[in-house]
Structures are given as C-alpha cells and as structure tokens.
N, C-alpha and C. Protein backbone atom coordinates (compact mmCIF):
# COMPACT_ATOMS: atom_id res chain seq x y z
N MET A 1 151.95 124.75 81.41
CA MET A 1 150.62 124.17 81.56
C MET A 1 150.71 122.64 81.63
N GLU A 2 150.01 122.05 82.58
CA GLU A 2 150.05 120.60 82.75
C GLU A 2 149.36 119.91 81.57
N PRO A 3 149.96 118.85 81.01
CA PRO A 3 149.30 118.11 79.93
C PRO A 3 147.98 117.52 80.41
N VAL A 4 147.03 117.35 79.50
CA VAL A 4 145.76 116.71 79.88
C VAL A 4 145.92 115.19 79.91
N ILE A 5 146.89 114.67 79.17
CA ILE A 5 147.21 113.24 79.21
C ILE A 5 148.72 113.11 79.28
N GLU A 6 149.19 112.33 80.23
CA GLU A 6 150.63 112.06 80.32
C GLU A 6 150.83 110.62 80.78
N LEU A 7 151.35 109.79 79.89
CA LEU A 7 151.62 108.39 80.18
C LEU A 7 153.11 108.13 80.05
N LYS A 8 153.65 107.37 81.00
CA LYS A 8 155.08 107.05 80.98
C LYS A 8 155.26 105.56 81.22
N GLY A 9 155.80 104.87 80.21
CA GLY A 9 156.11 103.45 80.33
C GLY A 9 154.90 102.59 80.64
N VAL A 10 153.75 102.94 80.10
CA VAL A 10 152.51 102.25 80.45
C VAL A 10 152.41 100.90 79.74
N VAL A 11 152.15 99.87 80.54
CA VAL A 11 151.92 98.51 80.03
C VAL A 11 150.50 98.13 80.40
N ALA A 12 149.74 97.66 79.41
CA ALA A 12 148.38 97.18 79.65
C ALA A 12 148.23 95.83 78.97
N VAL A 13 147.53 94.92 79.62
CA VAL A 13 147.42 93.54 79.15
C VAL A 13 145.96 93.19 78.91
N LEU A 14 145.70 92.54 77.77
CA LEU A 14 144.39 91.97 77.47
C LEU A 14 144.53 90.46 77.49
N GLY A 15 143.96 89.81 78.52
CA GLY A 15 144.20 88.38 78.68
C GLY A 15 145.65 88.18 79.04
N SER A 16 146.38 87.50 78.18
CA SER A 16 147.82 87.33 78.39
C SER A 16 148.62 88.12 77.36
N PHE A 17 147.91 88.94 76.57
CA PHE A 17 148.55 89.68 75.48
C PHE A 17 148.86 91.11 75.90
N PRO A 18 150.10 91.56 75.74
CA PRO A 18 150.45 92.95 76.09
C PRO A 18 149.95 93.91 75.03
N ALA A 19 148.78 94.50 75.27
CA ALA A 19 148.20 95.43 74.30
C ALA A 19 149.00 96.71 74.19
N LEU A 20 149.56 97.16 75.31
CA LEU A 20 150.46 98.31 75.34
C LEU A 20 151.74 97.89 76.02
N ALA A 21 152.86 98.15 75.38
CA ALA A 21 154.13 97.63 75.87
C ALA A 21 155.09 98.76 76.20
N GLY A 22 154.79 99.49 77.27
CA GLY A 22 155.68 100.56 77.70
C GLY A 22 155.50 101.84 76.92
N ILE A 23 154.26 102.24 76.70
CA ILE A 23 153.98 103.40 75.85
C ILE A 23 154.19 104.70 76.61
N ASP A 24 154.73 105.70 75.91
CA ASP A 24 154.87 107.06 76.42
C ASP A 24 154.02 107.98 75.55
N LEU A 25 153.22 108.83 76.17
CA LEU A 25 152.37 109.74 75.40
C LEU A 25 152.07 110.98 76.23
N THR A 26 152.22 112.15 75.61
CA THR A 26 151.85 113.42 76.22
C THR A 26 150.92 114.17 75.28
N VAL A 27 149.79 114.62 75.80
CA VAL A 27 148.81 115.36 75.00
C VAL A 27 148.52 116.68 75.72
N GLN A 28 148.62 117.78 74.98
CA GLN A 28 148.35 119.10 75.54
C GLN A 28 146.89 119.49 75.29
N ARG A 29 146.37 120.34 76.16
CA ARG A 29 144.99 120.80 76.01
C ARG A 29 144.81 121.51 74.66
N GLY A 30 143.70 121.23 74.00
CA GLY A 30 143.38 121.88 72.74
C GLY A 30 143.91 121.19 71.50
N GLU A 31 144.61 120.08 71.68
CA GLU A 31 145.09 119.34 70.52
C GLU A 31 143.98 118.50 69.89
N ILE A 32 144.13 118.22 68.61
CA ILE A 32 143.40 117.15 67.94
C ILE A 32 144.46 116.15 67.52
N LEU A 33 144.63 115.13 68.33
CA LEU A 33 145.72 114.17 68.13
C LEU A 33 145.20 112.95 67.39
N LEU A 34 145.85 112.63 66.29
CA LEU A 34 145.50 111.44 65.51
C LEU A 34 146.42 110.30 65.86
N LEU A 35 145.84 109.17 66.25
CA LEU A 35 146.59 107.93 66.46
C LEU A 35 146.47 107.10 65.21
N GLN A 36 147.58 106.79 64.58
CA GLN A 36 147.54 105.95 63.39
C GLN A 36 148.40 104.71 63.61
N GLY A 37 148.12 103.68 62.81
CA GLY A 37 148.85 102.43 62.94
C GLY A 37 147.97 101.28 62.49
N PRO A 38 148.57 100.11 62.28
CA PRO A 38 147.82 98.96 61.78
C PRO A 38 146.84 98.42 62.82
N ASN A 39 145.90 97.58 62.36
CA ASN A 39 145.00 96.90 63.28
C ASN A 39 145.81 96.08 64.28
N GLY A 40 145.38 96.11 65.54
CA GLY A 40 146.08 95.35 66.56
C GLY A 40 147.30 96.05 67.12
N ALA A 41 147.52 97.30 66.72
CA ALA A 41 148.72 98.01 67.17
C ALA A 41 148.60 98.51 68.60
N GLY A 42 147.37 98.63 69.12
CA GLY A 42 147.18 99.11 70.47
C GLY A 42 146.42 100.42 70.57
N LYS A 43 145.89 100.91 69.45
CA LYS A 43 145.21 102.22 69.46
C LYS A 43 143.97 102.19 70.34
N THR A 44 143.14 101.17 70.18
CA THR A 44 141.92 101.08 70.99
C THR A 44 142.25 100.92 72.46
N SER A 45 143.23 100.10 72.77
CA SER A 45 143.64 99.92 74.17
C SER A 45 144.15 101.23 74.77
N LEU A 46 144.87 101.99 73.99
CA LEU A 46 145.37 103.29 74.46
C LEU A 46 144.20 104.22 74.79
N LEU A 47 143.20 104.27 73.93
CA LEU A 47 142.03 105.10 74.20
C LEU A 47 141.32 104.65 75.46
N ARG A 48 141.23 103.34 75.67
CA ARG A 48 140.54 102.81 76.84
C ARG A 48 141.32 103.10 78.14
N VAL A 49 142.63 103.09 78.07
CA VAL A 49 143.43 103.49 79.23
C VAL A 49 143.15 104.96 79.56
N CYS A 50 143.13 105.80 78.54
CA CYS A 50 142.89 107.23 78.74
C CYS A 50 141.48 107.51 79.26
N ALA A 51 140.54 106.59 78.97
CA ALA A 51 139.17 106.74 79.44
C ALA A 51 138.95 106.17 80.84
N GLY A 52 139.99 105.56 81.41
CA GLY A 52 139.86 104.96 82.72
C GLY A 52 139.16 103.63 82.71
N LEU A 53 139.10 102.99 81.55
CA LEU A 53 138.38 101.73 81.42
C LEU A 53 139.29 100.50 81.43
N LEU A 54 140.53 100.67 81.03
CA LEU A 54 141.48 99.57 80.99
C LEU A 54 142.59 99.81 82.01
N PRO A 55 142.74 98.93 83.00
CA PRO A 55 143.78 99.13 84.02
C PRO A 55 145.17 98.91 83.42
N ILE A 56 146.16 99.52 84.03
CA ILE A 56 147.53 99.33 83.57
C ILE A 56 148.26 98.39 84.53
N GLU A 57 149.19 97.65 83.97
CA GLU A 57 149.98 96.70 84.76
C GLU A 57 151.24 97.35 85.31
N ARG A 58 151.86 98.18 84.49
CA ARG A 58 153.08 98.87 84.92
C ARG A 58 153.10 100.27 84.31
N GLY A 59 154.00 101.09 84.85
CA GLY A 59 154.11 102.46 84.37
C GLY A 59 153.28 103.40 85.20
N GLU A 60 153.16 104.62 84.74
CA GLU A 60 152.38 105.62 85.45
C GLU A 60 151.74 106.56 84.46
N GLY A 61 150.69 107.21 84.89
CA GLY A 61 150.00 108.13 84.00
C GLY A 61 148.96 108.96 84.71
N ARG A 62 148.68 110.11 84.11
CA ARG A 62 147.65 110.99 84.63
C ARG A 62 146.81 111.50 83.46
N VAL A 63 145.50 111.56 83.69
CA VAL A 63 144.57 112.12 82.72
C VAL A 63 143.80 113.22 83.44
N LEU A 64 143.91 114.44 82.94
CA LEU A 64 143.32 115.60 83.60
C LEU A 64 143.79 115.70 85.06
N GLY A 65 145.04 115.32 85.27
CA GLY A 65 145.63 115.38 86.59
C GLY A 65 145.25 114.25 87.51
N ILE A 66 144.49 113.28 86.99
CA ILE A 66 143.98 112.16 87.80
C ILE A 66 144.82 110.92 87.52
N ASP A 67 145.21 110.21 88.57
CA ASP A 67 146.05 109.03 88.43
C ASP A 67 145.29 107.89 87.75
N VAL A 68 145.88 107.31 86.70
CA VAL A 68 145.19 106.27 85.94
C VAL A 68 145.21 104.92 86.65
N THR A 69 146.00 104.81 87.71
CA THR A 69 146.08 103.56 88.46
C THR A 69 145.06 103.50 89.59
N SER A 70 144.98 104.56 90.37
CA SER A 70 144.18 104.52 91.61
C SER A 70 142.86 105.27 91.54
N GLN A 71 142.66 106.09 90.49
CA GLN A 71 141.45 106.93 90.45
C GLN A 71 140.74 106.86 89.10
N ARG A 72 140.72 105.66 88.53
CA ARG A 72 140.15 105.54 87.18
C ARG A 72 138.69 105.98 87.11
N GLU A 73 137.92 105.74 88.17
CA GLU A 73 136.51 106.08 88.14
C GLU A 73 136.29 107.59 88.04
N LEU A 74 137.23 108.38 88.55
CA LEU A 74 137.12 109.83 88.46
C LEU A 74 137.38 110.31 87.03
N ILE A 75 138.22 109.60 86.31
CA ILE A 75 138.51 109.95 84.92
C ILE A 75 137.26 109.77 84.07
N ARG A 76 136.53 108.69 84.30
CA ARG A 76 135.38 108.34 83.46
C ARG A 76 134.33 109.43 83.45
N ALA A 77 134.22 110.17 84.54
CA ALA A 77 133.20 111.21 84.63
C ALA A 77 133.54 112.45 83.81
N ARG A 78 134.80 112.57 83.38
CA ARG A 78 135.24 113.80 82.73
C ARG A 78 135.67 113.63 81.28
N VAL A 79 135.69 112.40 80.80
CA VAL A 79 136.04 112.15 79.41
C VAL A 79 134.89 111.43 78.72
N GLY A 80 134.90 111.47 77.40
CA GLY A 80 133.89 110.75 76.62
C GLY A 80 134.57 109.85 75.61
N LEU A 81 134.23 108.57 75.63
CA LEU A 81 134.79 107.60 74.69
C LEU A 81 133.71 107.14 73.73
N LEU A 82 133.99 107.27 72.44
CA LEU A 82 133.09 106.74 71.40
C LEU A 82 133.85 105.65 70.66
N GLY A 83 133.43 104.40 70.90
CA GLY A 83 134.08 103.27 70.26
C GLY A 83 133.29 102.75 69.08
N HIS A 84 133.61 101.54 68.64
CA HIS A 84 132.94 100.95 67.49
C HIS A 84 131.47 100.66 67.76
N SER A 85 131.13 100.35 69.01
CA SER A 85 129.78 99.88 69.32
C SER A 85 128.76 100.99 69.50
N ASN A 86 129.20 102.25 69.57
CA ASN A 86 128.35 103.43 69.75
C ASN A 86 127.81 103.59 71.18
N GLY A 87 127.71 102.50 71.95
CA GLY A 87 127.26 102.62 73.33
C GLY A 87 125.82 103.01 73.51
N LEU A 88 124.95 102.65 72.55
CA LEU A 88 123.53 103.00 72.63
C LEU A 88 122.72 101.87 73.25
N TYR A 89 121.64 102.23 73.91
CA TYR A 89 120.66 101.25 74.38
C TYR A 89 119.64 101.04 73.26
N LEU A 90 119.65 99.87 72.65
CA LEU A 90 118.88 99.65 71.44
C LEU A 90 117.38 99.69 71.66
N ASP A 91 116.94 99.43 72.91
CA ASP A 91 115.50 99.45 73.18
C ASP A 91 114.99 100.85 73.53
N LEU A 92 115.89 101.83 73.60
CA LEU A 92 115.50 103.21 73.85
C LEU A 92 115.47 104.00 72.55
N THR A 93 114.68 105.07 72.52
CA THR A 93 114.64 105.93 71.35
C THR A 93 115.90 106.80 71.29
N VAL A 94 116.04 107.47 70.17
CA VAL A 94 117.15 108.41 70.01
C VAL A 94 117.15 109.43 71.16
N GLU A 95 116.00 110.05 71.38
CA GLU A 95 115.90 111.07 72.42
C GLU A 95 116.18 110.50 73.80
N GLN A 96 115.66 109.30 74.08
CA GLN A 96 115.88 108.69 75.40
C GLN A 96 117.35 108.37 75.63
N ASN A 97 118.04 107.90 74.59
CA ASN A 97 119.47 107.63 74.73
C ASN A 97 120.23 108.90 75.09
N ILE A 98 119.94 109.97 74.40
CA ILE A 98 120.67 111.22 74.63
C ILE A 98 120.31 111.81 75.99
N MET A 99 119.04 111.70 76.38
CA MET A 99 118.61 112.21 77.68
C MET A 99 119.24 111.42 78.82
N PHE A 100 119.47 110.12 78.59
CA PHE A 100 120.12 109.31 79.62
C PHE A 100 121.50 109.88 79.94
N TRP A 101 122.29 110.16 78.92
CA TRP A 101 123.63 110.70 79.14
C TRP A 101 123.58 112.12 79.65
N ALA A 102 122.58 112.88 79.20
CA ALA A 102 122.43 114.24 79.69
C ALA A 102 122.19 114.25 81.20
N ALA A 103 121.41 113.29 81.67
CA ALA A 103 121.08 113.23 83.10
C ALA A 103 122.31 112.95 83.96
N THR A 104 123.30 112.26 83.40
CA THR A 104 124.49 111.92 84.18
C THR A 104 125.34 113.14 84.50
N VAL A 105 125.18 114.22 83.72
CA VAL A 105 125.96 115.44 83.97
C VAL A 105 125.08 116.64 84.26
N GLY A 106 123.77 116.42 84.32
CA GLY A 106 122.86 117.52 84.60
C GLY A 106 122.65 118.47 83.44
N ALA A 107 122.81 117.98 82.21
CA ALA A 107 122.59 118.82 81.03
C ALA A 107 121.10 119.14 80.89
N SER A 108 120.80 120.31 80.39
CA SER A 108 119.43 120.79 80.29
C SER A 108 118.72 120.23 79.05
N ASP A 109 117.41 120.38 79.03
CA ASP A 109 116.62 119.97 77.86
C ASP A 109 117.06 120.77 76.64
N ALA A 110 117.43 122.02 76.85
CA ALA A 110 117.88 122.85 75.74
C ALA A 110 119.19 122.31 75.15
N GLU A 111 120.08 121.82 76.02
CA GLU A 111 121.33 121.22 75.54
C GLU A 111 121.05 119.94 74.75
N VAL A 112 120.10 119.15 75.24
CA VAL A 112 119.71 117.93 74.52
C VAL A 112 119.18 118.28 73.14
N ALA A 113 118.27 119.26 73.08
CA ALA A 113 117.69 119.66 71.81
C ALA A 113 118.75 120.19 70.85
N SER A 114 119.69 120.96 71.39
CA SER A 114 120.76 121.52 70.56
C SER A 114 121.64 120.41 69.99
N ALA A 115 122.00 119.43 70.84
CA ALA A 115 122.85 118.32 70.38
C ALA A 115 122.15 117.49 69.32
N MET A 116 120.87 117.24 69.50
CA MET A 116 120.12 116.46 68.52
C MET A 116 120.03 117.19 67.19
N LYS A 117 119.79 118.49 67.25
CA LYS A 117 119.73 119.28 66.03
C LYS A 117 121.09 119.31 65.34
N ARG A 118 122.16 119.47 66.12
CA ARG A 118 123.51 119.54 65.56
C ARG A 118 123.84 118.29 64.75
N MET A 119 123.42 117.12 65.25
CA MET A 119 123.74 115.87 64.58
C MET A 119 122.58 115.34 63.72
N ASN A 120 121.57 116.18 63.51
CA ASN A 120 120.45 115.83 62.61
C ASN A 120 119.73 114.55 63.03
N VAL A 121 119.49 114.42 64.33
CA VAL A 121 118.70 113.28 64.81
C VAL A 121 117.48 113.78 65.58
N ASP A 122 117.05 114.99 65.25
CA ASP A 122 115.84 115.53 65.87
C ASP A 122 114.64 115.23 64.98
N GLY A 123 113.53 115.89 65.21
CA GLY A 123 112.34 115.67 64.38
C GLY A 123 111.80 114.26 64.52
N ARG A 124 111.47 113.66 63.41
CA ARG A 124 110.84 112.33 63.44
C ARG A 124 111.78 111.26 63.99
N LEU A 125 113.08 111.45 63.83
CA LEU A 125 114.04 110.44 64.30
C LEU A 125 114.09 110.37 65.83
N ALA A 126 113.70 111.44 66.49
CA ALA A 126 113.82 111.50 67.94
C ALA A 126 113.08 110.37 68.64
N LYS A 127 111.96 109.94 68.06
CA LYS A 127 111.12 108.92 68.71
C LYS A 127 111.37 107.51 68.17
N VAL A 128 112.37 107.37 67.33
CA VAL A 128 112.69 106.05 66.75
C VAL A 128 113.66 105.32 67.67
N LYS A 129 113.39 104.03 67.89
CA LYS A 129 114.30 103.22 68.72
C LYS A 129 115.64 103.04 68.02
N ALA A 130 116.69 102.99 68.80
CA ALA A 130 118.04 102.84 68.24
C ALA A 130 118.17 101.56 67.42
N SER A 131 117.42 100.54 67.79
CA SER A 131 117.48 99.27 67.06
C SER A 131 117.00 99.40 65.62
N GLN A 132 116.24 100.44 65.33
CA GLN A 132 115.66 100.63 64.00
C GLN A 132 116.44 101.65 63.15
N LEU A 133 117.50 102.16 63.69
CA LEU A 133 118.29 103.17 62.97
C LEU A 133 119.28 102.53 62.02
N SER A 134 119.67 103.28 61.01
CA SER A 134 120.76 102.86 60.13
C SER A 134 122.08 103.04 60.88
N ALA A 135 123.15 102.51 60.31
CA ALA A 135 124.47 102.65 60.95
C ALA A 135 124.85 104.12 61.10
N GLY A 136 124.57 104.91 60.09
CA GLY A 136 124.91 106.33 60.16
C GLY A 136 124.09 107.07 61.20
N GLN A 137 122.80 106.73 61.30
CA GLN A 137 121.95 107.37 62.29
C GLN A 137 122.37 107.00 63.71
N ARG A 138 122.80 105.76 63.90
CA ARG A 138 123.29 105.37 65.22
C ARG A 138 124.56 106.14 65.57
N ARG A 139 125.42 106.33 64.60
CA ARG A 139 126.65 107.08 64.85
C ARG A 139 126.33 108.52 65.23
N ARG A 140 125.38 109.11 64.50
CA ARG A 140 124.99 110.48 64.80
C ARG A 140 124.39 110.59 66.20
N THR A 141 123.59 109.59 66.59
CA THR A 141 122.98 109.59 67.92
C THR A 141 124.06 109.48 69.00
N ALA A 142 125.05 108.63 68.76
CA ALA A 142 126.14 108.47 69.71
C ALA A 142 126.93 109.77 69.84
N LEU A 143 127.13 110.47 68.75
CA LEU A 143 127.86 111.74 68.80
C LEU A 143 127.05 112.80 69.54
N ALA A 144 125.74 112.81 69.34
CA ALA A 144 124.89 113.75 70.09
C ALA A 144 124.96 113.45 71.58
N SER A 145 125.02 112.17 71.94
CA SER A 145 125.15 111.79 73.34
C SER A 145 126.47 112.27 73.91
N LEU A 146 127.51 112.22 73.09
CA LEU A 146 128.83 112.69 73.53
C LEU A 146 128.82 114.21 73.75
N ILE A 147 128.12 114.93 72.89
CA ILE A 147 128.05 116.38 73.02
C ILE A 147 127.46 116.78 74.37
N VAL A 148 126.35 116.14 74.77
CA VAL A 148 125.68 116.55 76.00
C VAL A 148 126.45 116.13 77.25
N ARG A 149 127.43 115.24 77.10
CA ARG A 149 128.20 114.81 78.27
C ARG A 149 129.23 115.86 78.69
N ARG A 150 129.45 116.88 77.88
CA ARG A 150 130.38 117.97 78.21
C ARG A 150 131.78 117.45 78.51
N ALA A 151 132.22 116.47 77.75
CA ALA A 151 133.51 115.85 78.01
C ALA A 151 134.66 116.84 77.80
N GLU A 152 135.64 116.77 78.69
CA GLU A 152 136.83 117.61 78.54
C GLU A 152 137.82 117.00 77.55
N ILE A 153 137.79 115.67 77.42
CA ILE A 153 138.60 114.98 76.42
C ILE A 153 137.68 114.06 75.63
N TRP A 154 137.72 114.18 74.32
CA TRP A 154 136.95 113.31 73.43
C TRP A 154 137.89 112.23 72.91
N LEU A 155 137.57 110.99 73.19
CA LEU A 155 138.37 109.84 72.77
C LEU A 155 137.55 109.07 71.73
N LEU A 156 138.00 109.06 70.50
CA LEU A 156 137.19 108.57 69.39
C LEU A 156 137.90 107.47 68.62
N ASP A 157 137.22 106.33 68.47
CA ASP A 157 137.77 105.20 67.75
C ASP A 157 137.03 105.04 66.42
N GLU A 158 137.71 105.38 65.34
CA GLU A 158 137.11 105.37 63.99
C GLU A 158 135.79 106.14 63.98
N PRO A 159 135.81 107.42 64.35
CA PRO A 159 134.55 108.17 64.50
C PRO A 159 133.79 108.40 63.20
N HIS A 160 134.48 108.37 62.05
CA HIS A 160 133.80 108.62 60.78
C HIS A 160 133.08 107.38 60.24
N ALA A 161 133.29 106.22 60.86
CA ALA A 161 132.70 104.98 60.37
C ALA A 161 131.18 105.06 60.40
N GLY A 162 130.56 104.66 59.30
CA GLY A 162 129.11 104.63 59.20
C GLY A 162 128.48 105.93 58.76
N LEU A 163 129.26 107.00 58.69
CA LEU A 163 128.72 108.29 58.29
C LEU A 163 128.89 108.51 56.79
N ASP A 164 127.91 109.17 56.18
CA ASP A 164 128.06 109.54 54.77
C ASP A 164 128.95 110.78 54.68
N ALA A 165 129.16 111.26 53.46
CA ALA A 165 130.10 112.37 53.25
C ALA A 165 129.70 113.62 54.04
N SER A 166 128.40 113.95 54.04
CA SER A 166 127.97 115.14 54.77
C SER A 166 128.13 114.94 56.28
N GLY A 167 127.86 113.71 56.74
CA GLY A 167 128.03 113.41 58.16
C GLY A 167 129.48 113.52 58.59
N ARG A 168 130.39 113.12 57.72
CA ARG A 168 131.81 113.22 58.05
C ARG A 168 132.25 114.67 58.12
N ASP A 169 131.73 115.48 57.22
CA ASP A 169 132.04 116.90 57.26
C ASP A 169 131.50 117.53 58.54
N GLU A 170 130.28 117.14 58.91
CA GLU A 170 129.67 117.67 60.13
C GLU A 170 130.49 117.27 61.36
N LEU A 171 130.97 116.03 61.37
CA LEU A 171 131.79 115.57 62.49
C LEU A 171 133.07 116.37 62.60
N ASP A 172 133.72 116.62 61.47
CA ASP A 172 134.95 117.41 61.50
C ASP A 172 134.70 118.79 62.09
N GLY A 173 133.59 119.40 61.67
CA GLY A 173 133.24 120.71 62.21
C GLY A 173 132.94 120.65 63.69
N LEU A 174 132.27 119.58 64.11
CA LEU A 174 131.95 119.39 65.52
C LEU A 174 133.21 119.29 66.37
N LEU A 175 134.20 118.54 65.90
CA LEU A 175 135.44 118.37 66.66
C LEU A 175 136.21 119.67 66.74
N ARG A 176 136.24 120.42 65.66
CA ARG A 176 136.92 121.71 65.71
C ARG A 176 136.21 122.66 66.68
N ASP A 177 134.89 122.62 66.69
CA ASP A 177 134.13 123.48 67.62
C ASP A 177 134.38 123.05 69.07
N ALA A 178 134.46 121.74 69.30
CA ALA A 178 134.71 121.25 70.66
C ALA A 178 136.06 121.74 71.17
N VAL A 179 137.06 121.70 70.32
CA VAL A 179 138.39 122.18 70.70
C VAL A 179 138.37 123.69 70.95
N ALA A 180 137.65 124.40 70.09
CA ALA A 180 137.55 125.85 70.27
C ALA A 180 136.89 126.21 71.60
N ALA A 181 136.03 125.29 72.09
CA ALA A 181 135.33 125.52 73.36
C ALA A 181 136.14 125.03 74.55
N GLY A 182 137.35 124.48 74.30
CA GLY A 182 138.22 124.10 75.40
C GLY A 182 138.49 122.62 75.56
N ALA A 183 137.89 121.78 74.72
CA ALA A 183 138.09 120.34 74.82
C ALA A 183 139.38 119.93 74.09
N THR A 184 139.75 118.68 74.29
CA THR A 184 140.89 118.06 73.60
C THR A 184 140.37 116.80 72.93
N VAL A 185 140.86 116.50 71.74
CA VAL A 185 140.39 115.36 70.97
C VAL A 185 141.54 114.41 70.68
N VAL A 186 141.32 113.13 70.96
CA VAL A 186 142.27 112.08 70.56
C VAL A 186 141.46 111.07 69.75
N LEU A 187 141.84 110.85 68.50
CA LEU A 187 141.09 109.93 67.67
C LEU A 187 142.00 108.95 66.97
N ALA A 188 141.48 107.73 66.79
CA ALA A 188 142.14 106.71 65.98
C ALA A 188 141.35 106.57 64.69
N SER A 189 142.03 106.60 63.56
CA SER A 189 141.32 106.55 62.29
C SER A 189 142.21 105.95 61.20
N HIS A 190 141.55 105.19 60.32
CA HIS A 190 142.24 104.68 59.14
C HIS A 190 142.02 105.59 57.93
N GLU A 191 141.16 106.61 58.10
CA GLU A 191 140.88 107.53 56.99
C GLU A 191 141.96 108.60 57.00
N SER A 192 143.12 108.23 56.48
CA SER A 192 144.32 109.04 56.66
C SER A 192 144.19 110.44 56.06
N GLU A 193 143.63 110.56 54.87
CA GLU A 193 143.57 111.87 54.23
C GLU A 193 142.68 112.82 55.03
N ARG A 194 141.50 112.36 55.40
CA ARG A 194 140.58 113.21 56.16
C ARG A 194 141.13 113.49 57.56
N ALA A 195 141.58 112.45 58.24
CA ALA A 195 142.03 112.60 59.62
C ALA A 195 143.29 113.46 59.71
N ASN A 196 144.20 113.31 58.76
CA ASN A 196 145.41 114.13 58.77
C ASN A 196 145.09 115.60 58.56
N GLY A 197 144.05 115.87 57.76
CA GLY A 197 143.65 117.25 57.56
C GLY A 197 143.02 117.86 58.79
N LEU A 198 142.47 117.01 59.65
CA LEU A 198 141.80 117.47 60.87
C LEU A 198 142.78 117.61 62.03
N ALA A 199 143.76 116.71 62.09
CA ALA A 199 144.64 116.62 63.26
C ALA A 199 145.64 117.77 63.33
N THR A 200 145.98 118.15 64.55
CA THR A 200 147.06 119.10 64.77
C THR A 200 148.39 118.38 65.00
N ARG A 201 148.32 117.07 65.33
CA ARG A 201 149.53 116.27 65.52
C ARG A 201 149.17 114.80 65.29
N VAL A 202 150.16 114.04 64.81
CA VAL A 202 149.96 112.62 64.51
C VAL A 202 150.96 111.80 65.30
N VAL A 203 150.48 110.73 65.93
CA VAL A 203 151.33 109.78 66.65
C VAL A 203 151.08 108.41 66.07
N THR A 204 152.15 107.69 65.76
CA THR A 204 152.03 106.32 65.24
C THR A 204 152.13 105.33 66.38
N VAL A 205 151.12 104.45 66.47
CA VAL A 205 151.11 103.40 67.46
C VAL A 205 151.37 102.07 66.75
N ASP A 206 152.35 101.33 67.22
CA ASP A 206 152.70 100.07 66.58
C ASP A 206 153.39 99.18 67.60
N GLY A 207 152.95 97.92 67.65
CA GLY A 207 153.56 96.98 68.59
C GLY A 207 153.38 97.39 70.04
N GLY A 208 152.29 98.13 70.33
CA GLY A 208 152.02 98.54 71.70
C GLY A 208 152.81 99.74 72.17
N GLY A 209 153.57 100.37 71.25
CA GLY A 209 154.33 101.57 71.59
C GLY A 209 153.92 102.73 70.71
N ALA A 210 154.44 103.92 70.98
CA ALA A 210 154.08 105.11 70.23
C ALA A 210 155.33 105.88 69.82
N ARG A 211 155.22 106.52 68.67
CA ARG A 211 156.33 107.36 68.20
C ARG A 211 155.77 108.51 67.33
C-alpha cells in the first residue's frame, strides 16, 4: 500500500533559515503519528509542507500520491491543518465559520449540525461571533470546522491547547474515530503523556531532521 505521506531529503527554508534540513518521513494510512521535539525543531514547518502550504527547496515528496513540489494546491483540498491560530473568521459566528468550510467540500447541513454537536458548540454558542469566544470555545469551533472538511489527513499543531480536561478527552476520541473512518492523523504536541497514549508511532524532529 502506498504511504499517504512520503518525504525524501526535503529541505524547506523560512527566510534564510533552513526550517527543514533534509528530512525523511513516511506515514502509512491509519496512523496517529506524534511529532515531538523542542520549539524551533521544525515540527510546524513539517506540517505545513504536508499541507501544501510551505514550498520545498530541495528533495522530493508526495502526499496522498500528489507531488509536493508541483501540485501543492491539490494537496490543500484533501488535508486539514489546524495550527495555533485556529483559522477562524472572528467577525463570523460559530455556525457561519463551520458552514464556510462545509461549503468548500459540499458538506450537508446535517453534517454541520453533527460536527457542532460533537464539539459542543451548538445551541446558544452557534450564534456567537468567534471574537467573543473563549480560547477553548475557539478551539472547539476550529475542530468542528475540520470535521466537516472531510480531510483524509489531519495535521494538528498542539491540538489540545486551550481545551479543558473534558475537551481534551473529546478530542482524543474524535481523532480515534477519524482514523477508524479511514483518516490519518499527524500531530505535534508537547503534552507527552497524553499524546504518547494516543499515538500509534512517535517521530522526533530536531534540527530540521527526523528520527
């Protein structure tokens, strides 16, 4: 079976800084892969390369069989990246944010309602603008938006940040369900005990490389 992510000798540069310095990575479908390593090690840059958002300078790679050099825009339509910023439009309500992403993939109103209920941002919260939400509520809204995008690969940067204990448990269950439904998860996290219990494999990223 072809890997869903395969990178060989990938170099990516931020400004004049080599964020990734010849990284090799293979991810099989159905994995929950944990990326661990110190701040500045290249974890976020690696996720952005896999999302088709950060171009590579050297090396080669494929995500879902798509070339990361020449077809990055095709990758973006099939993966979902949740970074530190949550990617919400602050002037839109919770429901409007989720419906925006649902429209990009043709998700139904029923799927929107299900995602909102799953992440507990339905009911009165649905009509609240994102600018008025707590950090945890924004994270939940971003996760609901990710659910409706039907992503084949979930790329998550510190996904538990901002969530309370129950929210973190809900997220863990959500990721396991996504994998059971055929998705693959790659996450970067400093919450080693929780993330290690969730992951099926751990890769250490340091100095722009992986091991």
